[in-house]
Amino acid sequence: MSKGFGESDFAQVQSERANSQSIREVLERDREQADHARDRRAQGAFGVCEDCGRQIGDERLAALPDATRCVACQAAWESTNR
C-alpha cells in the first residue's frame, strides 16, 4: 500500500468520525427539544410561543409538533444563538 493511499484512508476515517459526531449532536438537540416541548404540553402551554406568548401557527405545528416558538421568535432565537 502506498503512503498516499494510507493518508487518504486516514482522512476518510476522520471525515466519517466528524460526520458521526455532527449527527449525534443534532439528534441530541432534537431529543432535548422534544423533551422541552413535552414539558410545555404538560404545563398546558402547547401551541403557545414561549417567547412572545402568541399562538403558534397551525401549519408550523403540523410540520413541527415539537415547536415551542412561533416562526418570528424562532428566527430571532436562531440568529442570536448561532
Protein backbone atom coordinates (compact mmCIF):
# COMPACT_ATOMS: atom_id res chain seq x y z
CA MET A 1 0.00 0.00 0.00
CA SER A 2 1.39 3.40 -0.92
CA LYS A 3 1.85 6.16 1.62
CA GLY A 4 -0.62 8.41 -0.22
CA PHE A 5 -3.35 5.78 -0.09
CA GLY A 6 -2.88 5.31 3.66
CA GLU A 7 -3.21 9.05 4.26
CA SER A 8 -6.33 9.07 2.12
CA ASP A 9 -7.83 6.29 4.24
CA PHE A 10 -6.99 8.22 7.41
CA ALA A 11 -8.64 11.35 6.02
CA GLN A 12 -11.74 9.33 5.14
CA VAL A 13 -11.93 7.90 8.67
CA GLN A 14 -11.53 11.36 10.19
CA SER A 15 -14.25 12.73 7.92
CA GLU A 16 -16.64 9.91 8.84
CA ARG A 17 -15.96 10.49 12.55
CA ALA A 18 -16.69 14.20 12.17
CA ASN A 19 -19.94 13.41 10.34
CA SER A 20 -20.96 10.91 13.01
CA GLN A 21 -20.27 13.45 15.75
CA SER A 22 -22.34 16.08 13.94
CA ILE A 23 -25.22 13.66 13.57
CA ARG A 24 -25.06 12.76 17.27
CA GLU A 25 -25.15 16.45 18.21
CA VAL A 26 -28.19 17.11 16.00
CA LEU A 27 -30.01 14.09 17.41
CA GLU A 28 -29.24 15.19 20.97
CA ARG A 29 -30.59 18.70 20.30
CA ASP A 30 -33.72 17.18 18.75
CA ARG A 31 -34.20 14.96 21.81
CA GLU A 32 -33.77 17.93 24.15
CA GLN A 33 -36.31 19.95 22.13
CA ALA A 34 -38.80 17.08 22.22
CA ASP A 35 -38.39 16.83 26.00
CA HIS A 36 -38.85 20.59 26.35
CA ALA A 37 -41.99 20.51 24.18
CA ARG A 38 -43.37 17.59 26.22
CA ASP A 39 -42.82 19.60 29.43
CA ARG A 40 -44.64 22.60 27.93
CA ARG A 41 -47.55 20.36 26.90
CA ALA A 42 -47.77 19.03 30.46
CA GLN A 43 -47.99 22.64 31.68
CA GLY A 44 -50.84 23.32 29.25
CA ALA A 45 -48.74 25.57 27.02
CA PHE A 46 -48.95 23.55 23.79
CA GLY A 47 -49.23 25.82 20.76
CA VAL A 48 -48.24 28.98 22.64
CA CYS A 49 -44.92 30.66 21.78
CA GLU A 50 -42.60 30.55 24.77
CA ASP A 51 -41.13 33.95 23.86
CA CYS A 52 -44.00 36.21 22.79
CA GLY A 53 -46.99 34.28 24.16
CA ARG A 54 -48.91 34.30 20.87
CA GLN A 55 -50.39 31.20 19.27
CA ILE A 56 -48.03 29.18 17.08
CA GLY A 57 -49.46 28.76 13.58
CA ASP A 58 -51.31 25.54 12.78
CA GLU A 59 -49.10 24.90 9.73
CA ARG A 60 -45.96 25.18 11.87
CA LEU A 61 -47.33 22.80 14.49
CA ALA A 62 -48.42 20.34 11.81
CA ALA A 63 -44.89 20.35 10.35
CA LEU A 64 -43.05 20.58 13.69
CA PRO A 65 -45.22 19.28 16.54
CA ASP A 66 -42.36 19.95 19.00
CA ALA A 67 -42.18 23.65 18.10
CA THR A 68 -42.27 25.90 21.16
CA ARG A 69 -41.76 29.21 19.35
CA CYS A 70 -43.63 30.95 16.55
CA VAL A 71 -41.78 31.43 13.26
CA ALA A 72 -40.71 35.01 14.04
CA CYS A 73 -39.42 34.21 17.52
CA GLN A 74 -37.65 31.07 16.30
CA ALA A 75 -35.89 33.08 13.58
CA ALA A 76 -34.79 35.68 16.14
CA TRP A 77 -33.62 32.95 18.52
CA GLU A 78 -31.62 31.24 15.77
CA SER A 79 -29.94 34.48 14.67
CA THR A 80 -28.71 35.17 18.21
CA ASN A 81 -27.76 31.57 19.05
CA ARG A 82 -25.65 30.64 16.04
